[in-house]
All heavy atoms as atom14 arrays in JSON, in Angstrom:
{
  "sequence": "TVNHFCKMRMSRAKTDKKDASMLAQFGK",
  "atom14_mask": [
    [1, 1, 1, 1, 1, 1, 1, 0, 0, 0, 0, 0, 0, 0],
    [1, 1, 1, 1, 1, 1, 1, 0, 0, 0, 0, 0, 0, 0],
    [1, 1, 1, 1, 1, 1, 1, 1, 0, 0, 0, 0, 0, 0],
    [1, 1, 1, 1, 1, 1, 1, 1, 1, 1, 0, 0, 0, 0],
    [1, 1, 1, 1, 1, 1, 1, 1, 1, 1, 1, 0, 0, 0],
    [1, 1, 1, 1, 1, 1, 0, 0, 0, 0, 0, 0, 0, 0],
    [1, 1, 1, 1, 1, 1, 1, 1, 1, 0, 0, 0, 0, 0],
    [1, 1, 1, 1, 1, 1, 1, 1, 0, 0, 0, 0, 0, 0],
    [1, 1, 1, 1, 1, 1, 1, 1, 1, 1, 1, 0, 0, 0],
    [1, 1, 1, 1, 1, 1, 1, 1, 0, 0, 0, 0, 0, 0],
    [1, 1, 1, 1, 1, 1, 0, 0, 0, 0, 0, 0, 0, 0],
    [1, 1, 1, 1, 1, 1, 1, 1, 1, 1, 1, 0, 0, 0],
    [1, 1, 1, 1, 1, 0, 0, 0, 0, 0, 0, 0, 0, 0],
    [1, 1, 1, 1, 1, 1, 1, 1, 1, 0, 0, 0, 0, 0],
    [1, 1, 1, 1, 1, 1, 1, 0, 0, 0, 0, 0, 0, 0],
    [1, 1, 1, 1, 1, 1, 1, 1, 0, 0, 0, 0, 0, 0],
    [1, 1, 1, 1, 1, 1, 1, 1, 1, 0, 0, 0, 0, 0],
    [1, 1, 1, 1, 1, 1, 1, 1, 1, 0, 0, 0, 0, 0],
    [1, 1, 1, 1, 1, 1, 1, 1, 0, 0, 0, 0, 0, 0],
    [1, 1, 1, 1, 1, 0, 0, 0, 0, 0, 0, 0, 0, 0],
    [1, 1, 1, 1, 1, 1, 0, 0, 0, 0, 0, 0, 0, 0],
    [1, 1, 1, 1, 1, 1, 1, 1, 0, 0, 0, 0, 0, 0],
    [1, 1, 1, 1, 1, 1, 1, 1, 0, 0, 0, 0, 0, 0],
    [1, 1, 1, 1, 1, 0, 0, 0, 0, 0, 0, 0, 0, 0],
    [1, 1, 1, 1, 1, 1, 1, 1, 1, 0, 0, 0, 0, 0],
    [1, 1, 1, 1, 1, 1, 1, 1, 1, 1, 1, 0, 0, 0],
    [1, 1, 1, 1, 0, 0, 0, 0, 0, 0, 0, 0, 0, 0],
    [1, 1, 1, 1, 1, 1, 1, 1, 1, 0, 0, 0, 0, 0]
  ],
  "atom14_positions": [
    [[27.12, -9.36, -3.28], [27.5, -10.14, -2.1], [26.49, -9.94, -0.98], [26.09, -10.9, -0.31], [28.9, -9.74, -1.62], [29.84, -9.89, -2.68], [29.35, -10.59, -0.45], [0.0, 0.0, 0.0], [0.0, 0.0, 0.0], [0.0, 0.0, 0.0], [0.0, 0.0, 0.0], [0.0, 0.0, 0.0], [0.0, 0.0, 0.0], [0.0, 0.0, 0.0]],
    [[26.07, -8.72, -0.79], [25.08, -8.43, 0.25], [23.74, -9.06, -0.09], [23.04, -9.6, 0.78], [24.92, -6.91, 0.44], [23.85, -6.6, 1.48], [26.26, -6.29, 0.85], [0.0, 0.0, 0.0], [0.0, 0.0, 0.0], [0.0, 0.0, 0.0], [0.0, 0.0, 0.0], [0.0, 0.0, 0.0], [0.0, 0.0, 0.0], [0.0, 0.0, 0.0]],
    [[23.37, -9.02, -1.37], [22.11, -9.64, -1.8], [22.1, -11.13, -1.52], [21.1, -11.69, -1.06], [21.91, -9.37, -3.29], [20.57, -9.87, -3.79], [19.52, -9.58, -3.23], [20.6, -10.64, -4.87], [0.0, 0.0, 0.0], [0.0, 0.0, 0.0], [0.0, 0.0, 0.0], [0.0, 0.0, 0.0], [0.0, 0.0, 0.0], [0.0, 0.0, 0.0]],
    [[23.22, -11.78, -1.79], [23.33, -13.21, -1.49], [23.22, -13.46, 0.0], [22.56, -14.41, 0.44], [24.67, -13.74, -2.02], [24.91, -15.19, -1.72], [24.22, -16.21, -2.35], [25.75, -15.8, -0.83], [24.63, -17.38, -1.87], [25.56, -17.15, -0.96], [0.0, 0.0, 0.0], [0.0, 0.0, 0.0], [0.0, 0.0, 0.0], [0.0, 0.0, 0.0]],
    [[23.84, -12.61, 0.79], [23.78, -12.72, 2.25], [22.33, -12.63, 2.73], [21.9, -13.4, 3.6], [24.62, -11.6, 2.86], [24.58, -11.53, 4.36], [25.42, -12.33, 5.13], [23.72, -10.65, 5.0], [25.39, -12.26, 6.52], [23.68, -10.57, 6.39], [24.53, -11.38, 7.15], [0.0, 0.0, 0.0], [0.0, 0.0, 0.0], [0.0, 0.0, 0.0]],
    [[21.57, -11.69, 2.17], [20.16, -11.52, 2.55], [19.33, -12.75, 2.19], [18.48, -13.19, 2.96], [19.58, -10.27, 1.9], [20.32, -8.72, 2.45], [0.0, 0.0, 0.0], [0.0, 0.0, 0.0], [0.0, 0.0, 0.0], [0.0, 0.0, 0.0], [0.0, 0.0, 0.0], [0.0, 0.0, 0.0], [0.0, 0.0, 0.0], [0.0, 0.0, 0.0]],
    [[19.57, -13.29, 0.99], [18.82, -14.47, 0.56], [19.1, -15.67, 1.46], [18.19, -16.45, 1.77], [19.18, -14.81, -0.88], [18.63, -13.83, -1.91], [19.01, -14.23, -3.33], [18.4, -13.28, -4.35], [18.79, -13.65, -5.74], [0.0, 0.0, 0.0], [0.0, 0.0, 0.0], [0.0, 0.0, 0.0], [0.0, 0.0, 0.0], [0.0, 0.0, 0.0]],
    [[20.33, -15.81, 1.89], [20.69, -16.92, 2.77], [19.99, -16.82, 4.12], [19.78, -17.82, 4.8], [22.21, -16.95, 2.98], [23.0, -17.31, 1.73], [22.71, -19.01, 1.17], [23.47, -19.93, 2.51], [0.0, 0.0, 0.0], [0.0, 0.0, 0.0], [0.0, 0.0, 0.0], [0.0, 0.0, 0.0], [0.0, 0.0, 0.0], [0.0, 0.0, 0.0]],
    [[19.59, -15.6, 4.48], [18.9, -15.39, 5.75], [17.41, -15.2, 5.56], [16.72, -14.72, 6.46], [19.52, -14.2, 6.48], [20.81, -14.59, 7.18], [21.78, -13.44, 7.34], [23.01, -13.91, 7.97], [23.94, -14.62, 7.33], [23.76, -14.94, 6.07], [25.04, -15.03, 7.96], [0.0, 0.0, 0.0], [0.0, 0.0, 0.0], [0.0, 0.0, 0.0]],
    [[16.93, -15.55, 4.38], [15.49, -15.53, 4.09], [14.88, -14.15, 4.32], [13.75, -14.02, 4.77], [14.76, -16.57, 4.94], [15.32, -17.98, 4.83], [15.14, -18.66, 3.16], [13.37, -18.93, 3.12], [0.0, 0.0, 0.0], [0.0, 0.0, 0.0], [0.0, 0.0, 0.0], [0.0, 0.0, 0.0], [0.0, 0.0, 0.0], [0.0, 0.0, 0.0]],
    [[15.66, -13.12, 4.02], [15.16, -11.76, 4.21], [14.57, -11.27, 2.9], [15.28, -11.03, 1.93], [16.31, -10.84, 4.66], [15.86, -9.51, 4.76], [0.0, 0.0, 0.0], [0.0, 0.0, 0.0], [0.0, 0.0, 0.0], [0.0, 0.0, 0.0], [0.0, 0.0, 0.0], [0.0, 0.0, 0.0], [0.0, 0.0, 0.0], [0.0, 0.0, 0.0]],
    [[13.27, -11.1, 2.89], [12.58, -10.7, 1.66], [12.13, -9.25, 1.69], [11.77, -8.69, 0.66], [11.36, -11.6, 1.43], [11.72, -13.06, 1.14], [10.48, -13.85, 0.76], [10.79, -15.22, 0.4], [10.91, -16.22, 1.24], [10.72, -15.99, 2.54], [11.2, -17.44, 0.83], [0.0, 0.0, 0.0], [0.0, 0.0, 0.0], [0.0, 0.0, 0.0]],
    [[12.12, -8.64, 2.87], [11.68, -7.24, 2.98], [12.65, -6.34, 2.22], [13.86, -6.55, 2.24], [11.61, -6.81, 4.44], [0.0, 0.0, 0.0], [0.0, 0.0, 0.0], [0.0, 0.0, 0.0], [0.0, 0.0, 0.0], [0.0, 0.0, 0.0], [0.0, 0.0, 0.0], [0.0, 0.0, 0.0], [0.0, 0.0, 0.0], [0.0, 0.0, 0.0]],
    [[12.11, -5.35, 1.53], [12.94, -4.44, 0.74], [12.56, -3.01, 1.06], [11.76, -2.37, 0.38], [12.75, -4.73, -0.75], [13.68, -3.9, -1.66], [15.12, -4.18, -1.41], [16.01, -3.39, -2.34], [17.45, -3.57, -2.06], [0.0, 0.0, 0.0], [0.0, 0.0, 0.0], [0.0, 0.0, 0.0], [0.0, 0.0, 0.0], [0.0, 0.0, 0.0]],
    [[13.13, -2.5, 2.15], [12.96, -1.11, 2.52], [14.33, -0.55, 2.84], [15.28, -1.29, 3.14], [12.04, -0.95, 3.75], [12.68, -1.54, 4.9], [10.69, -1.61, 3.53], [0.0, 0.0, 0.0], [0.0, 0.0, 0.0], [0.0, 0.0, 0.0], [0.0, 0.0, 0.0], [0.0, 0.0, 0.0], [0.0, 0.0, 0.0], [0.0, 0.0, 0.0]],
    [[14.47, 0.76, 2.77], [15.76, 1.39, 3.07], [16.2, 1.08, 4.5], [17.37, 0.82, 4.76], [15.67, 2.9, 2.86], [15.43, 3.26, 1.41], [15.71, 2.42, 0.53], [14.96, 4.38, 1.14], [0.0, 0.0, 0.0], [0.0, 0.0, 0.0], [0.0, 0.0, 0.0], [0.0, 0.0, 0.0], [0.0, 0.0, 0.0], [0.0, 0.0, 0.0]],
    [[15.24, 1.12, 5.42], [15.53, 0.83, 6.83], [16.01, -0.59, 7.0], [17.0, -0.86, 7.7], [14.29, 1.09, 7.67], [14.48, 0.87, 9.16], [13.21, 1.22, 9.91], [13.38, 0.99, 11.41], [12.15, 1.35, 12.16], [0.0, 0.0, 0.0], [0.0, 0.0, 0.0], [0.0, 0.0, 0.0], [0.0, 0.0, 0.0], [0.0, 0.0, 0.0]],
    [[15.34, -1.54, 6.35], [15.72, -2.95, 6.45], [17.07, -3.19, 5.79], [17.92, -3.95, 6.31], [14.64, -3.81, 5.78], [14.91, -5.31, 5.85], [14.86, -5.83, 7.26], [15.01, -7.34, 7.31], [15.01, -7.87, 8.68], [0.0, 0.0, 0.0], [0.0, 0.0, 0.0], [0.0, 0.0, 0.0], [0.0, 0.0, 0.0], [0.0, 0.0, 0.0]],
    [[17.29, -2.56, 4.64], [18.57, -2.72, 3.95], [19.73, -2.24, 4.82], [20.8, -2.87, 4.85], [18.57, -1.94, 2.64], [17.7, -2.6, 1.58], [17.33, -3.78, 1.77], [17.4, -1.95, 0.57], [0.0, 0.0, 0.0], [0.0, 0.0, 0.0], [0.0, 0.0, 0.0], [0.0, 0.0, 0.0], [0.0, 0.0, 0.0], [0.0, 0.0, 0.0]],
    [[19.54, -1.14, 5.51], [20.59, -0.61, 6.38], [20.9, -1.6, 7.51], [22.06, -1.85, 7.84], [20.17, 0.75, 6.95], [0.0, 0.0, 0.0], [0.0, 0.0, 0.0], [0.0, 0.0, 0.0], [0.0, 0.0, 0.0], [0.0, 0.0, 0.0], [0.0, 0.0, 0.0], [0.0, 0.0, 0.0], [0.0, 0.0, 0.0], [0.0, 0.0, 0.0]],
    [[19.84, -2.18, 8.1], [20.04, -3.15, 9.18], [20.76, -4.4, 8.67], [21.63, -4.95, 9.35], [18.69, -3.55, 9.79], [18.06, -2.44, 10.38], [0.0, 0.0, 0.0], [0.0, 0.0, 0.0], [0.0, 0.0, 0.0], [0.0, 0.0, 0.0], [0.0, 0.0, 0.0], [0.0, 0.0, 0.0], [0.0, 0.0, 0.0], [0.0, 0.0, 0.0]],
    [[20.42, -4.83, 7.46], [21.08, -6.01, 6.9], [22.55, -5.74, 6.61], [23.4, -6.62, 6.76], [20.37, -6.45, 5.62], [18.99, -7.07, 5.84], [19.02, -8.5, 6.97], [20.12, -9.62, 6.1], [0.0, 0.0, 0.0], [0.0, 0.0, 0.0], [0.0, 0.0, 0.0], [0.0, 0.0, 0.0], [0.0, 0.0, 0.0], [0.0, 0.0, 0.0]],
    [[22.87, -4.52, 6.22], [24.27, -4.16, 6.0], [25.06, -4.21, 7.3], [26.22, -4.65, 7.32], [24.38, -2.77, 5.36], [24.08, -2.71, 3.86], [23.89, -1.26, 3.41], [25.22, -3.35, 3.07], [0.0, 0.0, 0.0], [0.0, 0.0, 0.0], [0.0, 0.0, 0.0], [0.0, 0.0, 0.0], [0.0, 0.0, 0.0], [0.0, 0.0, 0.0]],
    [[24.43, -3.78, 8.4], [25.08, -3.87, 9.7], [25.31, -5.33, 10.08], [26.38, -5.71, 10.58], [24.24, -3.16, 10.75], [0.0, 0.0, 0.0], [0.0, 0.0, 0.0], [0.0, 0.0, 0.0], [0.0, 0.0, 0.0], [0.0, 0.0, 0.0], [0.0, 0.0, 0.0], [0.0, 0.0, 0.0], [0.0, 0.0, 0.0], [0.0, 0.0, 0.0]],
    [[24.3, -6.17, 9.84], [24.44, -7.6, 10.14], [25.49, -8.25, 9.25], [26.24, -9.12, 9.69], [23.09, -8.29, 9.97], [22.03, -7.82, 10.97], [20.67, -8.44, 10.71], [20.56, -9.62, 10.37], [19.63, -7.64, 10.82], [0.0, 0.0, 0.0], [0.0, 0.0, 0.0], [0.0, 0.0, 0.0], [0.0, 0.0, 0.0], [0.0, 0.0, 0.0]],
    [[25.52, -7.83, 7.99], [26.52, -8.35, 7.06], [27.93, -8.03, 7.57], [28.83, -8.88, 7.55], [26.31, -7.73, 5.68], [27.37, -8.09, 4.68], [27.29, -9.27, 3.95], [28.47, -7.25, 4.46], [28.27, -9.61, 3.02], [29.44, -7.58, 3.54], [29.34, -8.76, 2.82], [0.0, 0.0, 0.0], [0.0, 0.0, 0.0], [0.0, 0.0, 0.0]],
    [[28.13, -6.8, 8.02], [29.42, -6.4, 8.54], [29.83, -7.23, 9.75], [30.97, -7.71, 9.82], [0.0, 0.0, 0.0], [0.0, 0.0, 0.0], [0.0, 0.0, 0.0], [0.0, 0.0, 0.0], [0.0, 0.0, 0.0], [0.0, 0.0, 0.0], [0.0, 0.0, 0.0], [0.0, 0.0, 0.0], [0.0, 0.0, 0.0], [0.0, 0.0, 0.0]],
    [[28.92, -7.44, 10.65], [29.22, -8.22, 11.86], [29.54, -9.67, 11.52], [30.44, -10.28, 12.12], [28.03, -8.16, 12.81], [28.26, -8.88, 14.13], [27.06, -8.72, 15.05], [27.28, -9.44, 16.38], [26.11, -9.27, 17.29], [0.0, 0.0, 0.0], [0.0, 0.0, 0.0], [0.0, 0.0, 0.0], [0.0, 0.0, 0.0], [0.0, 0.0, 0.0]]
  ]
}
């Protein structure tokens, strides 16, 4: 579900720091 969320936002970066930020955005 999170991966789909990232793709919809055109987020291609794959780092632990970026993943954590995307999880926060996903939650919001």
